[in-house]
Amino acid sequence: MAGVHDGFAALGQHLATGLRDVTSDLAALDGEGWWAVVVDFEGKVTCARFDRVRRAPLPA
């Protein structure tokens, strides 16, 4: 994906890498893949799809 470099998401005990898509369309969540979804205080939605997800506890 042009313009996207080294995207990742660290959520709880999971680390997602290999950012594939970014969209605000919630219908995309019905498709394939692992998605991280963020909704800001104004209701703006950002959905990010990743290729790889692994368990990776946060450092203490």
PDB file of N, CA and C in Angstrom:
ATOM      1  N   MET A   1       0.848  -1.165   0.000  1.00  0.00           N
ATOM      2  CA  MET A   1       0.000   0.000   0.000  1.00  0.00           C
ATOM      3  C   MET A   1       0.898   1.234   0.000  1.00  0.00           C
ATOM      4  N   ALA A   2       0.756   2.077  -0.967  1.00  0.00           N
ATOM      5  CA  ALA A   2       1.618   3.243  -1.112  1.00  0.00           C
ATOM      6  C   ALA A   2       1.440   4.219   0.040  1.00  0.00           C
ATOM      7  N   GLY A   3       2.544   4.702   0.575  1.00  0.00           N
ATOM      8  CA  GLY A   3       2.507   5.706   1.617  1.00  0.00           C
ATOM      9  C   GLY A   3       2.356   5.165   3.023  1.00  0.00           C
ATOM     10  N   VAL A   4       2.244   3.855   3.176  1.00  0.00           N
ATOM     11  CA  VAL A   4       2.110   3.263   4.508  1.00  0.00           C
ATOM     12  C   VAL A   4       3.362   2.458   4.793  1.00  0.00           C
ATOM     13  N   HIS A   5       4.028   2.778   5.906  1.00  0.00           N
ATOM     14  CA  HIS A   5       5.274   2.107   6.251  1.00  0.00           C
ATOM     15  C   HIS A   5       5.241   1.676   7.708  1.00  0.00           C
ATOM     16  N   ASP A   6       5.603   0.432   7.970  1.00  0.00           N
ATOM     17  CA  ASP A   6       5.788  -0.060   9.328  1.00  0.00           C
ATOM     18  C   ASP A   6       4.573   0.134  10.224  1.00  0.00           C
ATOM     19  N   GLY A   7       3.375  -0.015   9.680  1.00  0.00           N
ATOM     20  CA  GLY A   7       2.179   0.102  10.500  1.00  0.00           C
ATOM     21  C   GLY A   7       2.057  -1.082  11.444  1.00  0.00           C
ATOM     22  N   PHE A   8       1.613  -0.814  12.662  1.00  0.00           N
ATOM     23  CA  PHE A   8       1.390  -1.887  13.628  1.00  0.00           C
ATOM     24  C   PHE A   8       0.304  -1.457  14.601  1.00  0.00           C
ATOM     25  N   ALA A   9      -0.239  -2.439  15.314  1.00  0.00           N
ATOM     26  CA  ALA A   9      -1.188  -2.174  16.395  1.00  0.00           C
ATOM     27  C   ALA A   9      -0.813  -3.062  17.561  1.00  0.00           C
ATOM     28  N   ALA A  10      -0.694  -2.481  18.738  1.00  0.00           N
ATOM     29  CA  ALA A  10      -0.437  -3.234  19.966  1.00  0.00           C
ATOM     30  C   ALA A  10      -1.695  -3.121  20.815  1.00  0.00           C
ATOM     31  N   LEU A  11      -2.394  -4.243  20.955  1.00  0.00           N
ATOM     32  CA  LEU A  11      -3.679  -4.260  21.657  1.00  0.00           C
ATOM     33  C   LEU A  11      -3.667  -5.375  22.682  1.00  0.00           C
ATOM     34  N   GLY A  12      -3.626  -5.001  23.934  1.00  0.00           N
ATOM     35  CA  GLY A  12      -3.599  -6.009  24.991  1.00  0.00           C
ATOM     36  C   GLY A  12      -2.397  -6.916  24.834  1.00  0.00           C
ATOM     37  N   GLN A  13      -2.636  -8.198  24.669  1.00  0.00           N
ATOM     38  CA  GLN A  13      -1.575  -9.199  24.534  1.00  0.00           C
ATOM     39  C   GLN A  13      -1.259  -9.514  23.069  1.00  0.00           C
ATOM     40  N   HIS A  14      -1.690  -8.664  22.135  1.00  0.00           N
ATOM     41  CA  HIS A  14      -1.501  -8.950  20.713  1.00  0.00           C
ATOM     42  C   HIS A  14      -0.734  -7.834  20.016  1.00  0.00           C
ATOM     43  N   LEU A  15       0.110  -8.237  19.066  1.00  0.00           N
ATOM     44  CA  LEU A  15       0.831  -7.303  18.212  1.00  0.00           C
ATOM     45  C   LEU A  15       0.487  -7.640  16.771  1.00  0.00           C
ATOM     46  N   ALA A  16      -0.092  -6.685  16.068  1.00  0.00           N
ATOM     47  CA  ALA A  16      -0.456  -6.859  14.664  1.00  0.00           C
ATOM     48  C   ALA A  16       0.533  -6.075  13.808  1.00  0.00           C
ATOM     49  N   THR A  17       1.059  -6.719  12.765  1.00  0.00           N
ATOM     50  CA  THR A  17       2.003  -6.077  11.846  1.00  0.00           C
ATOM     51  C   THR A  17       1.585  -6.391  10.416  1.00  0.00           C
ATOM     52  N   GLY A  18       2.230  -5.737   9.481  1.00  0.00           N
ATOM     53  CA  GLY A  18       1.896  -5.959   8.076  1.00  0.00           C
ATOM     54  C   GLY A  18       0.601  -5.250   7.712  1.00  0.00           C
ATOM     55  N   LEU A  19       0.552  -3.943   7.921  1.00  0.00           N
ATOM     56  CA  LEU A  19      -0.651  -3.166   7.618  1.00  0.00           C
ATOM     57  C   LEU A  19      -1.018  -3.321   6.153  1.00  0.00           C
ATOM     58  N   ARG A  20      -2.238  -3.752   5.900  1.00  0.00           N
ATOM     59  CA  ARG A  20      -2.696  -3.995   4.532  1.00  0.00           C
ATOM     60  C   ARG A  20      -3.677  -2.932   4.057  1.00  0.00           C
ATOM     61  N   ASP A  21      -4.666  -2.581   4.872  1.00  0.00           N
ATOM     62  CA  ASP A  21      -5.711  -1.631   4.471  1.00  0.00           C
ATOM     63  C   ASP A  21      -6.059  -0.716   5.635  1.00  0.00           C
ATOM     64  N   VAL A  22      -6.486   0.510   5.290  1.00  0.00           N
ATOM     65  CA  VAL A  22      -7.050   1.439   6.265  1.00  0.00           C
ATOM     66  C   VAL A  22      -8.306   2.026   5.634  1.00  0.00           C
ATOM     67  N   THR A  23      -9.415   2.005   6.391  1.00  0.00           N
ATOM     68  CA  THR A  23     -10.678   2.524   5.879  1.00  0.00           C
ATOM     69  C   THR A  23     -11.531   3.032   7.027  1.00  0.00           C
ATOM     70  N   SER A  24     -12.521   3.838   6.690  1.00  0.00           N
ATOM     71  CA  SER A  24     -13.509   4.259   7.686  1.00  0.00           C
ATOM     72  C   SER A  24     -14.833   3.530   7.474  1.00  0.00           C
ATOM     73  N   ASP A  25     -14.874   2.625   6.499  1.00  0.00           N
ATOM     74  CA  ASP A  25     -16.089   1.880   6.148  1.00  0.00           C
ATOM     75  C   ASP A  25     -16.215   0.627   7.013  1.00  0.00           C
ATOM     76  N   LEU A  26     -17.155   0.636   7.958  1.00  0.00           N
ATOM     77  CA  LEU A  26     -17.342  -0.510   8.851  1.00  0.00           C
ATOM     78  C   LEU A  26     -17.753  -1.779   8.113  1.00  0.00           C
ATOM     79  N   ALA A  27     -18.319  -1.671   6.919  1.00  0.00           N
ATOM     80  CA  ALA A  27     -18.695  -2.852   6.136  1.00  0.00           C
ATOM     81  C   ALA A  27     -17.469  -3.689   5.777  1.00  0.00           C
ATOM     82  N   ALA A  28     -16.299  -3.081   5.753  1.00  0.00           N
ATOM     83  CA  ALA A  28     -15.066  -3.814   5.440  1.00  0.00           C
ATOM     84  C   ALA A  28     -14.790  -4.898   6.471  1.00  0.00           C
ATOM     85  N   LEU A  29     -15.307  -4.738   7.689  1.00  0.00           N
ATOM     86  CA  LEU A  29     -15.066  -5.721   8.746  1.00  0.00           C
ATOM     87  C   LEU A  29     -15.694  -7.075   8.435  1.00  0.00           C
ATOM     88  N   ASP A  30     -16.643  -7.119   7.501  1.00  0.00           N
ATOM     89  CA  ASP A  30     -17.258  -8.388   7.088  1.00  0.00           C
ATOM     90  C   ASP A  30     -16.331  -9.198   6.198  1.00  0.00           C
ATOM     91  N   GLY A  31     -15.253  -8.598   5.718  1.00  0.00           N
ATOM     92  CA  GLY A  31     -14.306  -9.279   4.838  1.00  0.00           C
ATOM     93  C   GLY A  31     -13.287 -10.090   5.617  1.00  0.00           C
ATOM     94  N   GLU A  32     -12.305 -10.585   4.904  1.00  0.00           N
ATOM     95  CA  GLU A  32     -11.239 -11.411   5.475  1.00  0.00           C
ATOM     96  C   GLU A  32     -10.260 -10.572   6.284  1.00  0.00           C
ATOM     97  N   GLY A  33      -9.551 -11.230   7.186  1.00  0.00           N
ATOM     98  CA  GLY A  33      -8.433 -10.601   7.864  1.00  0.00           C
ATOM     99  C   GLY A  33      -8.713 -10.202   9.298  1.00  0.00           C
ATOM    100  N   TRP A  34      -7.658  -9.694   9.937  1.00  0.00           N
ATOM    101  CA  TRP A  34      -7.707  -9.257  11.332  1.00  0.00           C
ATOM    102  C   TRP A  34      -7.709  -7.737  11.336  1.00  0.00           C
ATOM    103  N   TRP A  35      -8.697  -7.162  11.986  1.00  0.00           N
ATOM    104  CA  TRP A  35      -8.879  -5.719  11.979  1.00  0.00           C
ATOM    105  C   TRP A  35      -8.689  -5.119  13.365  1.00  0.00           C
ATOM    106  N   ALA A  36      -8.053  -3.969  13.431  1.00  0.00           N
ATOM    107  CA  ALA A  36      -8.030  -3.130  14.629  1.00  0.00           C
ATOM    108  C   ALA A  36      -8.946  -1.946  14.324  1.00  0.00           C
ATOM    109  N   VAL A  37      -9.844  -1.638  15.251  1.00  0.00           N
ATOM    110  CA  VAL A  37     -10.819  -0.567  15.035  1.00  0.00           C
ATOM    111  C   VAL A  37     -10.691   0.461  16.153  1.00  0.00           C
ATOM    112  N   VAL A  38     -10.619   1.723  15.754  1.00  0.00           N
ATOM    113  CA  VAL A  38     -10.535   2.829  16.704  1.00  0.00           C
ATOM    114  C   VAL A  38     -11.673   3.793  16.396  1.00  0.00           C
ATOM    115  N   VAL A  39     -12.365   4.232  17.445  1.00  0.00           N
ATOM    116  CA  VAL A  39     -13.397   5.256  17.309  1.00  0.00           C
ATOM    117  C   VAL A  39     -13.004   6.407  18.232  1.00  0.00           C
ATOM    118  N   ASP A  40     -12.838   7.608  17.657  1.00  0.00           N
ATOM    119  CA  ASP A  40     -12.431   8.732  18.502  1.00  0.00           C
ATOM    120  C   ASP A  40     -13.643   9.346  19.213  1.00  0.00           C
ATOM    121  N   PHE A  41     -13.400  10.343  20.035  1.00  0.00           N
ATOM    122  CA  PHE A  41     -14.458  10.942  20.844  1.00  0.00           C
ATOM    123  C   PHE A  41     -15.531  11.629  20.007  1.00  0.00           C
ATOM    124  N   GLU A  42     -15.202  11.981  18.778  1.00  0.00           N
ATOM    125  CA  GLU A  42     -16.177  12.619  17.901  1.00  0.00           C
ATOM    126  C   GLU A  42     -16.908  11.611  17.029  1.00  0.00           C
ATOM    127  N   GLY A  43     -16.608  10.321  17.198  1.00  0.00           N
ATOM    128  CA  GLY A  43     -17.295   9.269  16.452  1.00  0.00           C
ATOM    129  C   GLY A  43     -16.628   8.871  15.147  1.00  0.00           C
ATOM    130  N   LYS A  44     -15.465   9.440  14.832  1.00  0.00           N
ATOM    131  CA  LYS A  44     -14.752   9.067  13.609  1.00  0.00           C
ATOM    132  C   LYS A  44     -14.170   7.665  13.777  1.00  0.00           C
ATOM    133  N   VAL A  45     -14.451   6.804  12.789  1.00  0.00           N
ATOM    134  CA  VAL A  45     -14.007   5.409  12.821  1.00  0.00           C
ATOM    135  C   VAL A  45     -12.794   5.226  11.921  1.00  0.00           C
ATOM    136  N   THR A  46     -11.796   4.500  12.416  1.00  0.00           N
ATOM    137  CA  THR A  46     -10.650   4.089  11.608  1.00  0.00           C
ATOM    138  C   THR A  46     -10.480   2.590  11.785  1.00  0.00           C
ATOM    139  N   CYS A  47     -10.530   1.851  10.672  1.00  0.00           N
ATOM    140  CA  CYS A  47     -10.359   0.399  10.672  1.00  0.00           C
ATOM    141  C   CYS A  47      -9.061   0.084   9.937  1.00  0.00           C
ATOM    142  N   ALA A  48      -8.210  -0.714  10.559  1.00  0.00           N
ATOM    143  CA  ALA A  48      -6.922  -1.077   9.959  1.00  0.00           C
ATOM    144  C   ALA A  48      -6.815  -2.597   9.899  1.00  0.00           C
ATOM    145  N   ARG A  49      -6.572  -3.133   8.693  1.00  0.00           N
ATOM    146  CA  ARG A  49      -6.444  -4.586   8.517  1.00  0.00           C
ATOM    147  C   ARG A  49      -4.969  -4.956   8.445  1.00  0.00           C
ATOM    148  N   PHE A  50      -4.614  -6.040   9.152  1.00  0.00           N
ATOM    149  CA  PHE A  50      -3.224  -6.472   9.247  1.00  0.00           C
ATOM    150  C   PHE A  50      -3.049  -7.890   8.729  1.00  0.00           C
ATOM    151  N   ASP A  51      -1.858  -8.180   8.212  1.00  0.00           N
ATOM    152  CA  ASP A  51      -1.516  -9.513   7.706  1.00  0.00           C
ATOM    153  C   ASP A  51      -1.142 -10.493   8.806  1.00  0.00           C
ATOM    154  N   ARG A  52      -0.449 -10.013   9.837  1.00  0.00           N
ATOM    155  CA  ARG A  52       0.095 -10.915  10.870  1.00  0.00           C
ATOM    156  C   ARG A  52      -0.297 -10.440  12.261  1.00  0.00           C
ATOM    157  N   VAL A  53      -0.706 -11.398  13.095  1.00  0.00           N
ATOM    158  CA  VAL A  53      -1.035 -11.103  14.493  1.00  0.00           C
ATOM    159  C   VAL A  53      -0.399 -12.179  15.351  1.00  0.00           C
ATOM    160  N   ARG A  54       0.264 -11.759  16.423  1.00  0.00           N
ATOM    161  CA  ARG A  54       0.877 -12.734  17.335  1.00  0.00           C
ATOM    162  C   ARG A  54       0.727 -12.242  18.763  1.00  0.00           C
ATOM    163  N   ARG A  55       0.805 -13.192  19.681  1.00  0.00           N
ATOM    164  CA  ARG A  55       0.801 -12.831  21.100  1.00  0.00           C
ATOM    165  C   ARG A  55       2.130 -12.162  21.416  1.00  0.00           C
ATOM    166  N   ALA A  56       2.054 -11.026  22.054  1.00  0.00           N
ATOM    167  CA  ALA A  56       3.259 -10.277  22.408  1.00  0.00           C
ATOM    168  C   ALA A  56       2.945  -9.434  23.631  1.00  0.00           C
ATOM    169  N   PRO A  57       3.141 -10.000  24.816  1.00  0.00           N
ATOM    170  CA  PRO A  57       2.846  -9.243  26.032  1.00  0.00           C
ATOM    171  C   PRO A  57       3.612  -7.921  26.063  1.00  0.00           C
ATOM    172  N   LEU A  58       2.962  -6.900  26.574  1.00  0.00           N
ATOM    173  CA  LEU A  58       3.628  -5.610  26.716  1.00  0.00           C
ATOM    174  C   LEU A  58       4.732  -5.721  27.758  1.00  0.00           C
ATOM    175  N   PRO A  59       5.843  -5.036  27.559  1.00  0.00           N
ATOM    176  CA  PRO A  59       6.926  -5.097  28.551  1.00  0.00           C
ATOM    177  C   PRO A  59       6.485  -4.480  29.874  1.00  0.00           C
ATOM    178  N   ALA A  60       7.034  -5.009  30.956  1.00  0.00           N
ATOM    179  CA  ALA A  60       6.672  -4.498  32.295  1.00  0.00           C
ATOM    180  C   ALA A  60       7.366  -3.185  32.572  1.00  0.00           C
TER     181      ALA A  60
END
